[in-house]
Amino acid sequence: MQAVKRTMRYAQAGVHMNAGCMMNVRSHVSLPDAEAGRERDTDRQAYVHTGPVPSSKRVIRIPAKWAAAMLGVLVLIFVYRIGGKLNQRASEAKQISSMEQAIVATIRENMDLEAKIAVCRDSSRICYRAVQELGMVSSAAVSAVPVTAPDTRPYEPKTVSTSAASPAAAGLISGSR
């Protein structure tokens, strides 16, 4: 960093280099003549770099035809990828639309079936169809007739005590299935 003194001469501010040390000078550094105190140093020449360009600053030159060809290939690749994505989006939008239409149709069908089920569950309709199609009779219109079942085990002796000889009394059989 340079600081201006009263005599318009520049002095270095900050860290000062030791005498005899090497210093890197960039080729783009220049000082305007009016501010550099040129009136005293008339014999001083400006530094011009004439050596080889360092490898990190070498410029790679590509012919314009090659650059245009590479640019064209890149544009074609991007157009192809964008077109593919647009095509994919269009097909997905069609699939979504068809799925939404299928969902709406299923909802309508479910509503129709629910209405049919409600009509079929009506007790008056059930009673009417039971009488007309199956020949059933209403339980309120008939009196109950007691029925006794015949003895299905006539050959077993009836003198055996069921409470002492049964496996249920011994705790071997439970009543659940």
N, C-alpha and C. Protein backbone atom coordinates (compact mmCIF):
# COMPACT_ATOMS: atom_id res chain seq x y z
N MET A 1 0.85 -1.17 0.00
CA MET A 1 0.00 0.00 0.00
C MET A 1 0.90 1.24 0.00
N GLN A 2 0.53 2.20 -0.75
CA GLN A 2 1.32 3.42 -0.86
C GLN A 2 0.60 4.56 -0.14
N ALA A 3 1.34 5.39 0.51
CA ALA A 3 0.77 6.55 1.19
C ALA A 3 1.42 7.80 0.63
N VAL A 4 0.65 8.86 0.46
CA VAL A 4 1.16 10.10 -0.12
C VAL A 4 1.70 10.98 1.01
N LYS A 5 2.94 11.44 0.85
CA LYS A 5 3.51 12.38 1.82
C LYS A 5 3.24 13.80 1.33
N ARG A 6 3.68 14.75 2.05
CA ARG A 6 3.42 16.15 1.70
C ARG A 6 4.15 16.56 0.42
N THR A 7 5.23 15.93 0.12
CA THR A 7 5.98 16.32 -1.06
C THR A 7 5.54 15.55 -2.30
N MET A 8 4.43 14.88 -2.24
CA MET A 8 3.86 14.09 -3.31
C MET A 8 4.73 12.90 -3.68
N ARG A 9 5.58 12.49 -2.78
CA ARG A 9 6.36 11.27 -2.99
C ARG A 9 5.63 10.13 -2.29
N TYR A 10 5.72 8.95 -2.85
CA TYR A 10 5.07 7.79 -2.26
C TYR A 10 6.03 7.08 -1.33
N ALA A 11 5.50 6.62 -0.25
CA ALA A 11 6.27 5.82 0.68
C ALA A 11 5.47 4.54 0.93
N GLN A 12 6.19 3.49 1.22
CA GLN A 12 5.51 2.22 1.44
C GLN A 12 5.00 2.17 2.88
N ALA A 13 3.72 1.84 3.00
CA ALA A 13 3.13 1.71 4.33
C ALA A 13 2.97 0.23 4.64
N GLY A 14 3.08 -0.15 5.90
CA GLY A 14 2.90 -1.54 6.28
C GLY A 14 4.23 -2.22 6.44
N VAL A 15 4.36 -3.46 5.99
CA VAL A 15 5.58 -4.26 6.18
C VAL A 15 6.63 -3.82 5.16
N HIS A 16 7.84 -3.57 5.64
CA HIS A 16 8.94 -3.17 4.76
C HIS A 16 9.83 -4.37 4.52
N MET A 17 10.34 -4.50 3.29
CA MET A 17 11.22 -5.60 2.93
C MET A 17 12.64 -5.28 3.40
N ASN A 18 13.37 -6.32 3.70
CA ASN A 18 14.79 -6.13 4.06
C ASN A 18 15.57 -5.81 2.80
N ALA A 19 16.68 -5.16 2.96
CA ALA A 19 17.50 -4.79 1.82
C ALA A 19 18.07 -6.05 1.18
N GLY A 20 18.06 -6.09 -0.13
CA GLY A 20 18.63 -7.22 -0.87
C GLY A 20 17.66 -8.38 -1.07
N CYS A 21 16.44 -8.30 -0.60
CA CYS A 21 15.46 -9.38 -0.79
C CYS A 21 14.85 -9.30 -2.17
N MET A 22 14.54 -10.46 -2.71
CA MET A 22 13.90 -10.51 -4.02
C MET A 22 12.43 -10.12 -3.85
N MET A 23 11.89 -9.48 -4.86
CA MET A 23 10.51 -9.01 -4.80
C MET A 23 9.84 -9.35 -6.12
N ASN A 24 8.60 -9.86 -6.08
CA ASN A 24 7.85 -10.18 -7.29
C ASN A 24 7.13 -8.93 -7.77
N VAL A 25 7.32 -8.60 -9.03
CA VAL A 25 6.66 -7.45 -9.62
C VAL A 25 5.71 -7.96 -10.70
N ARG A 26 4.50 -7.54 -10.63
CA ARG A 26 3.51 -7.97 -11.62
C ARG A 26 3.60 -7.07 -12.85
N SER A 27 3.22 -7.62 -13.99
CA SER A 27 3.34 -6.85 -15.22
C SER A 27 2.23 -5.81 -15.35
N HIS A 28 1.15 -5.96 -14.60
CA HIS A 28 0.04 -5.01 -14.75
C HIS A 28 0.13 -3.84 -13.76
N VAL A 29 1.20 -3.76 -12.97
CA VAL A 29 1.36 -2.66 -12.02
C VAL A 29 1.99 -1.47 -12.74
N SER A 30 1.37 -0.32 -12.59
CA SER A 30 1.94 0.90 -13.19
C SER A 30 1.54 2.08 -12.33
N LEU A 31 2.32 3.10 -12.35
CA LEU A 31 2.03 4.32 -11.62
C LEU A 31 1.95 5.47 -12.61
N PRO A 32 0.96 6.31 -12.49
CA PRO A 32 0.91 7.48 -13.38
C PRO A 32 2.11 8.40 -13.12
N ASP A 33 2.59 9.03 -14.17
CA ASP A 33 3.81 9.85 -14.07
C ASP A 33 3.64 11.02 -13.12
N ALA A 34 2.52 11.66 -13.08
CA ALA A 34 2.35 12.87 -12.27
C ALA A 34 2.42 12.55 -10.78
N GLU A 35 1.99 11.37 -10.39
CA GLU A 35 1.97 11.05 -8.96
C GLU A 35 3.21 10.32 -8.52
N ALA A 36 4.02 9.84 -9.42
CA ALA A 36 5.17 9.03 -9.04
C ALA A 36 6.41 9.85 -8.75
N GLY A 37 6.34 11.13 -8.88
CA GLY A 37 7.52 11.95 -8.64
C GLY A 37 8.54 11.80 -9.74
N ARG A 38 8.11 11.84 -10.95
CA ARG A 38 8.95 11.60 -12.11
C ARG A 38 10.01 12.69 -12.27
N GLU A 39 9.77 13.85 -11.69
CA GLU A 39 10.73 14.94 -11.88
C GLU A 39 12.10 14.62 -11.32
N ARG A 40 12.20 13.75 -10.34
CA ARG A 40 13.49 13.40 -9.76
C ARG A 40 14.13 12.21 -10.46
N ASP A 41 13.29 11.26 -10.88
CA ASP A 41 13.81 10.00 -11.45
C ASP A 41 13.59 9.99 -12.96
N THR A 42 14.25 10.85 -13.68
CA THR A 42 14.05 10.93 -15.13
C THR A 42 14.74 9.79 -15.86
N ASP A 43 15.77 9.22 -15.27
CA ASP A 43 16.50 8.17 -15.96
C ASP A 43 15.90 6.78 -15.72
N ARG A 44 14.91 6.70 -14.92
CA ARG A 44 14.31 5.40 -14.57
C ARG A 44 13.37 4.92 -15.68
N GLN A 45 13.57 3.69 -16.10
CA GLN A 45 12.75 3.08 -17.14
C GLN A 45 11.62 2.27 -16.51
N ALA A 46 10.48 2.18 -17.21
CA ALA A 46 9.36 1.36 -16.76
C ALA A 46 9.71 -0.11 -16.96
N TYR A 47 9.25 -0.97 -16.05
CA TYR A 47 9.53 -2.40 -16.14
C TYR A 47 8.58 -3.03 -17.15
N VAL A 48 9.15 -3.78 -18.06
CA VAL A 48 8.36 -4.51 -19.05
C VAL A 48 8.79 -5.96 -18.99
N HIS A 49 7.84 -6.85 -18.80
CA HIS A 49 8.14 -8.28 -18.71
C HIS A 49 8.36 -8.83 -20.10
N THR A 50 9.53 -9.44 -20.32
CA THR A 50 9.85 -9.98 -21.65
C THR A 50 10.09 -11.48 -21.62
N GLY A 51 10.07 -12.10 -20.44
CA GLY A 51 10.36 -13.53 -20.32
C GLY A 51 9.18 -14.39 -20.76
N PRO A 52 9.35 -15.68 -20.63
CA PRO A 52 8.26 -16.59 -21.03
C PRO A 52 7.06 -16.46 -20.08
N VAL A 53 5.91 -16.73 -20.61
CA VAL A 53 4.68 -16.67 -19.82
C VAL A 53 4.65 -17.91 -18.93
N PRO A 54 4.37 -17.74 -17.63
CA PRO A 54 4.30 -18.92 -16.75
C PRO A 54 3.21 -19.89 -17.24
N SER A 55 3.39 -21.17 -16.92
CA SER A 55 2.49 -22.20 -17.44
C SER A 55 1.05 -22.01 -16.94
N SER A 56 0.87 -21.41 -15.79
CA SER A 56 -0.48 -21.22 -15.28
C SER A 56 -1.24 -20.14 -16.05
N LYS A 57 -0.53 -19.30 -16.81
CA LYS A 57 -1.19 -18.23 -17.53
C LYS A 57 -1.20 -18.47 -19.04
N ARG A 58 -0.89 -19.66 -19.46
CA ARG A 58 -0.91 -19.93 -20.89
C ARG A 58 -2.33 -19.94 -21.39
N VAL A 59 -2.52 -19.42 -22.55
CA VAL A 59 -3.84 -19.31 -23.15
C VAL A 59 -4.03 -20.44 -24.14
N ILE A 60 -5.11 -21.16 -23.98
CA ILE A 60 -5.42 -22.23 -24.92
C ILE A 60 -6.33 -21.65 -25.99
N ARG A 61 -5.94 -21.82 -27.21
CA ARG A 61 -6.71 -21.26 -28.31
C ARG A 61 -7.37 -22.40 -29.07
N ILE A 62 -8.66 -22.23 -29.32
CA ILE A 62 -9.43 -23.21 -30.06
C ILE A 62 -9.93 -22.54 -31.33
N PRO A 63 -9.84 -23.23 -32.46
CA PRO A 63 -10.35 -22.62 -33.70
C PRO A 63 -11.86 -22.35 -33.58
N ALA A 64 -12.30 -21.32 -34.28
CA ALA A 64 -13.71 -20.91 -34.20
C ALA A 64 -14.63 -22.01 -34.70
N LYS A 65 -14.21 -22.79 -35.71
CA LYS A 65 -15.05 -23.87 -36.21
C LYS A 65 -15.28 -24.93 -35.14
N TRP A 66 -14.18 -25.28 -34.43
CA TRP A 66 -14.31 -26.28 -33.36
C TRP A 66 -15.20 -25.77 -32.23
N ALA A 67 -15.01 -24.53 -31.86
CA ALA A 67 -15.81 -23.94 -30.79
C ALA A 67 -17.29 -23.92 -31.18
N ALA A 68 -17.58 -23.55 -32.42
CA ALA A 68 -18.97 -23.52 -32.87
C ALA A 68 -19.55 -24.94 -32.90
N ALA A 69 -18.75 -25.91 -33.34
CA ALA A 69 -19.22 -27.29 -33.36
C ALA A 69 -19.51 -27.80 -31.95
N MET A 70 -18.61 -27.54 -31.02
CA MET A 70 -18.84 -27.97 -29.63
C MET A 70 -20.05 -27.27 -29.03
N LEU A 71 -20.19 -26.00 -29.29
CA LEU A 71 -21.35 -25.26 -28.80
C LEU A 71 -22.64 -25.82 -29.38
N GLY A 72 -22.62 -26.13 -30.68
CA GLY A 72 -23.80 -26.73 -31.33
C GLY A 72 -24.15 -28.08 -30.72
N VAL A 73 -23.13 -28.90 -30.45
CA VAL A 73 -23.37 -30.21 -29.83
C VAL A 73 -23.97 -30.03 -28.43
N LEU A 74 -23.43 -29.10 -27.68
CA LEU A 74 -23.98 -28.84 -26.33
C LEU A 74 -25.44 -28.37 -26.41
N VAL A 75 -25.72 -27.49 -27.35
CA VAL A 75 -27.10 -27.01 -27.51
C VAL A 75 -28.01 -28.17 -27.88
N LEU A 76 -27.59 -29.04 -28.79
CA LEU A 76 -28.40 -30.20 -29.17
C LEU A 76 -28.64 -31.14 -27.99
N ILE A 77 -27.61 -31.35 -27.20
CA ILE A 77 -27.78 -32.21 -26.01
C ILE A 77 -28.79 -31.61 -25.06
N PHE A 78 -28.67 -30.31 -24.80
CA PHE A 78 -29.62 -29.67 -23.88
C PHE A 78 -31.04 -29.68 -24.44
N VAL A 79 -31.19 -29.44 -25.74
CA VAL A 79 -32.52 -29.47 -26.35
C VAL A 79 -33.10 -30.87 -26.26
N TYR A 80 -32.30 -31.89 -26.52
CA TYR A 80 -32.76 -33.28 -26.43
C TYR A 80 -33.21 -33.61 -25.01
N ARG A 81 -32.41 -33.21 -24.01
CA ARG A 81 -32.75 -33.50 -22.61
C ARG A 81 -34.01 -32.76 -22.19
N ILE A 82 -34.13 -31.51 -22.59
CA ILE A 82 -35.32 -30.72 -22.24
C ILE A 82 -36.55 -31.31 -22.92
N GLY A 83 -36.41 -31.70 -24.19
CA GLY A 83 -37.53 -32.33 -24.90
C GLY A 83 -37.95 -33.64 -24.24
N GLY A 84 -36.98 -34.43 -23.79
CA GLY A 84 -37.29 -35.67 -23.09
C GLY A 84 -38.04 -35.42 -21.80
N LYS A 85 -37.61 -34.42 -21.06
CA LYS A 85 -38.29 -34.08 -19.80
C LYS A 85 -39.71 -33.58 -20.06
N LEU A 86 -39.88 -32.76 -21.10
CA LEU A 86 -41.22 -32.28 -21.43
C LEU A 86 -42.13 -33.42 -21.86
N ASN A 87 -41.59 -34.36 -22.64
CA ASN A 87 -42.37 -35.52 -23.07
C ASN A 87 -42.76 -36.37 -21.85
N GLN A 88 -41.82 -36.56 -20.94
CA GLN A 88 -42.10 -37.33 -19.73
C GLN A 88 -43.18 -36.65 -18.89
N ARG A 89 -43.09 -35.34 -18.76
CA ARG A 89 -44.10 -34.60 -18.00
C ARG A 89 -45.48 -34.72 -18.65
N ALA A 90 -45.52 -34.66 -19.97
CA ALA A 90 -46.81 -34.77 -20.67
C ALA A 90 -47.42 -36.14 -20.45
N SER A 91 -46.61 -37.20 -20.52
CA SER A 91 -47.15 -38.55 -20.30
C SER A 91 -47.60 -38.72 -18.86
N GLU A 92 -46.86 -38.17 -17.92
CA GLU A 92 -47.27 -38.25 -16.51
C GLU A 92 -48.55 -37.47 -16.27
N ALA A 93 -48.70 -36.34 -16.94
CA ALA A 93 -49.94 -35.55 -16.79
C ALA A 93 -51.13 -36.33 -17.34
N LYS A 94 -50.93 -37.05 -18.47
CA LYS A 94 -52.00 -37.88 -19.02
C LYS A 94 -52.37 -39.01 -18.06
N GLN A 95 -51.36 -39.64 -17.47
CA GLN A 95 -51.62 -40.71 -16.51
C GLN A 95 -52.38 -40.19 -15.30
N ILE A 96 -51.98 -39.04 -14.80
CA ILE A 96 -52.64 -38.45 -13.64
C ILE A 96 -54.09 -38.13 -13.98
N SER A 97 -54.31 -37.58 -15.17
CA SER A 97 -55.67 -37.24 -15.59
C SER A 97 -56.54 -38.50 -15.69
N SER A 98 -56.00 -39.57 -16.28
CA SER A 98 -56.79 -40.80 -16.39
C SER A 98 -57.05 -41.41 -15.01
N MET A 99 -56.09 -41.32 -14.11
CA MET A 99 -56.30 -41.83 -12.75
C MET A 99 -57.36 -41.03 -12.01
N GLU A 100 -57.34 -39.71 -12.19
CA GLU A 100 -58.35 -38.87 -11.55
C GLU A 100 -59.75 -39.20 -12.09
N GLN A 101 -59.85 -39.45 -13.41
CA GLN A 101 -61.14 -39.81 -13.99
C GLN A 101 -61.59 -41.17 -13.46
N ALA A 102 -60.66 -42.12 -13.30
CA ALA A 102 -61.01 -43.44 -12.75
C ALA A 102 -61.48 -43.31 -11.31
N ILE A 103 -60.85 -42.43 -10.54
CA ILE A 103 -61.25 -42.22 -9.15
C ILE A 103 -62.66 -41.64 -9.09
N VAL A 104 -62.94 -40.66 -9.94
CA VAL A 104 -64.28 -40.05 -9.96
C VAL A 104 -65.33 -41.09 -10.34
N ALA A 105 -65.01 -41.93 -11.35
CA ALA A 105 -65.95 -42.97 -11.77
C ALA A 105 -66.19 -43.98 -10.65
N THR A 106 -65.14 -44.34 -9.93
CA THR A 106 -65.28 -45.28 -8.81
C THR A 106 -66.10 -44.69 -7.69
N ILE A 107 -65.92 -43.41 -7.41
CA ILE A 107 -66.71 -42.75 -6.37
C ILE A 107 -68.18 -42.74 -6.76
N ARG A 108 -68.47 -42.43 -8.02
CA ARG A 108 -69.88 -42.45 -8.48
C ARG A 108 -70.47 -43.85 -8.37
N GLU A 109 -69.70 -44.85 -8.77
CA GLU A 109 -70.18 -46.24 -8.69
C GLU A 109 -70.43 -46.64 -7.23
N ASN A 110 -69.55 -46.24 -6.33
CA ASN A 110 -69.73 -46.54 -4.91
C ASN A 110 -70.99 -45.86 -4.37
N MET A 111 -71.23 -44.63 -4.80
CA MET A 111 -72.44 -43.93 -4.33
C MET A 111 -73.69 -44.63 -4.83
N ASP A 112 -73.68 -45.11 -6.10
CA ASP A 112 -74.83 -45.85 -6.63
C ASP A 112 -75.04 -47.15 -5.86
N LEU A 113 -73.95 -47.86 -5.58
CA LEU A 113 -74.06 -49.12 -4.84
C LEU A 113 -74.55 -48.89 -3.41
N GLU A 114 -74.09 -47.80 -2.78
CA GLU A 114 -74.57 -47.49 -1.42
C GLU A 114 -76.07 -47.21 -1.43
N ALA A 115 -76.54 -46.53 -2.47
CA ALA A 115 -77.99 -46.28 -2.56
C ALA A 115 -78.75 -47.59 -2.76
N LYS A 116 -78.23 -48.49 -3.60
CA LYS A 116 -78.88 -49.79 -3.81
C LYS A 116 -78.86 -50.62 -2.53
N ILE A 117 -77.76 -50.58 -1.79
CA ILE A 117 -77.67 -51.32 -0.53
C ILE A 117 -78.67 -50.78 0.48
N ALA A 118 -78.81 -49.47 0.56
CA ALA A 118 -79.78 -48.87 1.49
C ALA A 118 -81.20 -49.31 1.14
N VAL A 119 -81.52 -49.39 -0.16
CA VAL A 119 -82.85 -49.85 -0.57
C VAL A 119 -83.03 -51.33 -0.21
N CYS A 120 -81.99 -52.14 -0.45
CA CYS A 120 -82.09 -53.57 -0.18
C CYS A 120 -82.15 -53.87 1.32
N ARG A 121 -81.60 -53.03 2.17
CA ARG A 121 -81.60 -53.25 3.62
C ARG A 121 -82.90 -52.81 4.29
N ASP A 122 -83.79 -52.22 3.57
CA ASP A 122 -85.06 -51.78 4.13
C ASP A 122 -85.83 -53.03 4.61
N SER A 123 -86.28 -53.02 5.89
CA SER A 123 -86.92 -54.20 6.48
C SER A 123 -88.24 -54.55 5.80
N SER A 124 -88.99 -53.55 5.36
CA SER A 124 -90.26 -53.86 4.69
C SER A 124 -90.01 -54.58 3.37
N ARG A 125 -88.96 -54.19 2.66
CA ARG A 125 -88.62 -54.86 1.40
C ARG A 125 -88.17 -56.30 1.66
N ILE A 126 -87.37 -56.48 2.72
CA ILE A 126 -86.91 -57.83 3.06
C ILE A 126 -88.09 -58.73 3.40
N CYS A 127 -89.00 -58.23 4.23
CA CYS A 127 -90.18 -59.02 4.61
C CYS A 127 -91.03 -59.34 3.39
N TYR A 128 -91.24 -58.40 2.52
CA TYR A 128 -92.06 -58.61 1.33
C TYR A 128 -91.46 -59.71 0.45
N ARG A 129 -90.13 -59.61 0.19
CA ARG A 129 -89.47 -60.61 -0.66
C ARG A 129 -89.43 -61.97 0.01
N ALA A 130 -89.30 -62.00 1.35
CA ALA A 130 -89.30 -63.29 2.05
C ALA A 130 -90.64 -63.98 1.90
N VAL A 131 -91.71 -63.22 1.99
CA VAL A 131 -93.05 -63.81 1.84
C VAL A 131 -93.31 -64.19 0.39
N GLN A 132 -92.97 -63.32 -0.57
CA GLN A 132 -93.31 -63.55 -1.97
C GLN A 132 -92.42 -64.63 -2.62
N GLU A 133 -91.12 -64.56 -2.39
CA GLU A 133 -90.21 -65.45 -3.10
C GLU A 133 -89.88 -66.74 -2.35
N LEU A 134 -89.82 -66.66 -1.01
CA LEU A 134 -89.41 -67.82 -0.23
C LEU A 134 -90.58 -68.50 0.48
N GLY A 135 -91.73 -67.90 0.50
CA GLY A 135 -92.91 -68.48 1.13
C GLY A 135 -92.83 -68.46 2.65
N MET A 136 -92.12 -67.51 3.21
CA MET A 136 -92.00 -67.40 4.66
C MET A 136 -93.22 -66.71 5.23
N VAL A 137 -93.44 -66.93 6.56
CA VAL A 137 -94.59 -66.36 7.25
C VAL A 137 -94.05 -65.47 8.37
N SER A 138 -94.73 -64.39 8.64
CA SER A 138 -94.33 -63.47 9.69
C SER A 138 -94.46 -64.15 11.05
N SER A 139 -93.55 -63.91 11.95
CA SER A 139 -93.57 -64.54 13.28
C SER A 139 -94.69 -64.00 14.15
N ALA A 140 -95.16 -62.81 13.88
CA ALA A 140 -96.25 -62.24 14.67
C ALA A 140 -97.59 -62.87 14.31
N ALA A 141 -97.72 -63.41 13.13
CA ALA A 141 -98.99 -63.96 12.67
C ALA A 141 -99.21 -65.41 13.09
N VAL A 142 -98.23 -66.09 13.62
CA VAL A 142 -98.33 -67.51 13.95
C VAL A 142 -98.04 -67.72 15.43
N SER A 143 -98.67 -68.72 16.00
CA SER A 143 -98.38 -69.06 17.40
C SER A 143 -97.26 -70.08 17.43
N ALA A 144 -96.50 -70.09 18.51
CA ALA A 144 -95.37 -71.00 18.66
C ALA A 144 -95.85 -72.39 19.00
N VAL A 145 -95.28 -73.38 18.42
CA VAL A 145 -95.61 -74.79 18.68
C VAL A 145 -94.40 -75.42 19.33
N PRO A 146 -94.59 -75.98 20.56
CA PRO A 146 -93.43 -76.62 21.20
C PRO A 146 -93.13 -77.96 20.54
N VAL A 147 -91.87 -78.22 20.36
CA VAL A 147 -91.43 -79.46 19.72
C VAL A 147 -90.41 -80.11 20.64
N THR A 148 -90.55 -81.39 20.88
CA THR A 148 -89.57 -82.13 21.69
C THR A 148 -88.82 -83.06 20.77
N ALA A 149 -87.58 -83.14 20.99
CA ALA A 149 -86.73 -83.99 20.15
C ALA A 149 -86.75 -85.41 20.70
N PRO A 150 -86.72 -86.37 19.81
CA PRO A 150 -86.68 -87.76 20.28
C PRO A 150 -85.33 -88.08 20.91
N ASP A 151 -85.29 -89.13 21.71
CA ASP A 151 -84.06 -89.53 22.36
C ASP A 151 -83.13 -90.10 21.31
N THR A 152 -81.96 -89.49 21.14
CA THR A 152 -81.03 -89.92 20.09
C THR A 152 -80.10 -91.02 20.55
N ARG A 153 -80.05 -91.34 21.86
CA ARG A 153 -79.17 -92.40 22.38
C ARG A 153 -80.01 -93.40 23.20
N PRO A 154 -80.79 -94.19 22.54
CA PRO A 154 -81.65 -95.10 23.29
C PRO A 154 -80.91 -96.27 23.95
N TYR A 155 -79.74 -96.64 23.55
CA TYR A 155 -79.07 -97.82 24.07
C TYR A 155 -78.16 -97.55 25.25
N GLU A 156 -77.98 -96.32 25.67
CA GLU A 156 -77.14 -96.04 26.82
C GLU A 156 -77.93 -96.29 28.10
N PRO A 157 -77.27 -96.86 29.06
CA PRO A 157 -78.00 -97.07 30.33
C PRO A 157 -78.22 -95.74 31.03
N LYS A 158 -79.39 -95.55 31.60
CA LYS A 158 -79.74 -94.27 32.21
C LYS A 158 -79.44 -94.26 33.69
N THR A 159 -78.87 -95.29 34.23
CA THR A 159 -78.59 -95.36 35.65
C THR A 159 -77.25 -94.75 36.01
N VAL A 160 -76.41 -94.45 35.03
CA VAL A 160 -75.09 -93.90 35.30
C VAL A 160 -75.25 -92.45 35.72
N SER A 161 -74.57 -92.09 36.78
CA SER A 161 -74.63 -90.72 37.26
C SER A 161 -73.77 -89.84 36.35
N THR A 162 -74.36 -88.80 35.81
CA THR A 162 -73.64 -87.95 34.88
C THR A 162 -72.69 -87.01 35.58
N SER A 163 -72.97 -86.71 36.83
CA SER A 163 -72.10 -85.76 37.50
C SER A 163 -70.79 -86.39 37.95
N ALA A 164 -70.80 -87.67 38.34
CA ALA A 164 -69.57 -88.29 38.84
C ALA A 164 -68.73 -88.87 37.71
N ALA A 165 -69.36 -89.39 36.66
CA ALA A 165 -68.61 -90.07 35.62
C ALA A 165 -68.28 -89.18 34.43
N SER A 166 -68.79 -87.98 34.38
CA SER A 166 -68.52 -87.15 33.20
C SER A 166 -67.13 -86.54 33.24
N PRO A 167 -66.48 -86.43 32.07
CA PRO A 167 -65.16 -85.80 32.03
C PRO A 167 -65.24 -84.31 32.35
N ALA A 168 -66.37 -83.67 32.13
CA ALA A 168 -66.51 -82.24 32.45
C ALA A 168 -66.46 -82.03 33.94
N ALA A 169 -67.00 -82.96 34.72
CA ALA A 169 -66.96 -82.84 36.18
C ALA A 169 -65.54 -83.00 36.69
N ALA A 170 -64.76 -83.78 36.02
CA ALA A 170 -63.35 -83.98 36.45
C ALA A 170 -62.47 -82.81 36.00
N GLY A 171 -62.97 -81.90 35.19
CA GLY A 171 -62.20 -80.75 34.74
C GLY A 171 -61.39 -81.01 33.50
N LEU A 172 -61.70 -82.10 32.78
CA LEU A 172 -60.93 -82.44 31.58
C LEU A 172 -61.46 -81.76 30.33
N ILE A 173 -62.73 -81.39 30.30
CA ILE A 173 -63.34 -80.80 29.12
C ILE A 173 -63.87 -79.43 29.48
N SER A 174 -63.59 -78.46 28.63
CA SER A 174 -64.14 -77.13 28.87
C SER A 174 -65.31 -76.92 27.94
N GLY A 175 -66.14 -75.92 28.24
CA GLY A 175 -67.34 -75.68 27.47
C GLY A 175 -67.12 -74.86 26.20
N SER A 176 -65.95 -74.29 26.03
CA SER A 176 -65.72 -73.47 24.85
C SER A 176 -65.23 -74.32 23.70
N ARG A 177 -65.45 -73.86 22.51
CA ARG A 177 -65.02 -74.61 21.32
C ARG A 177 -63.73 -74.07 20.81
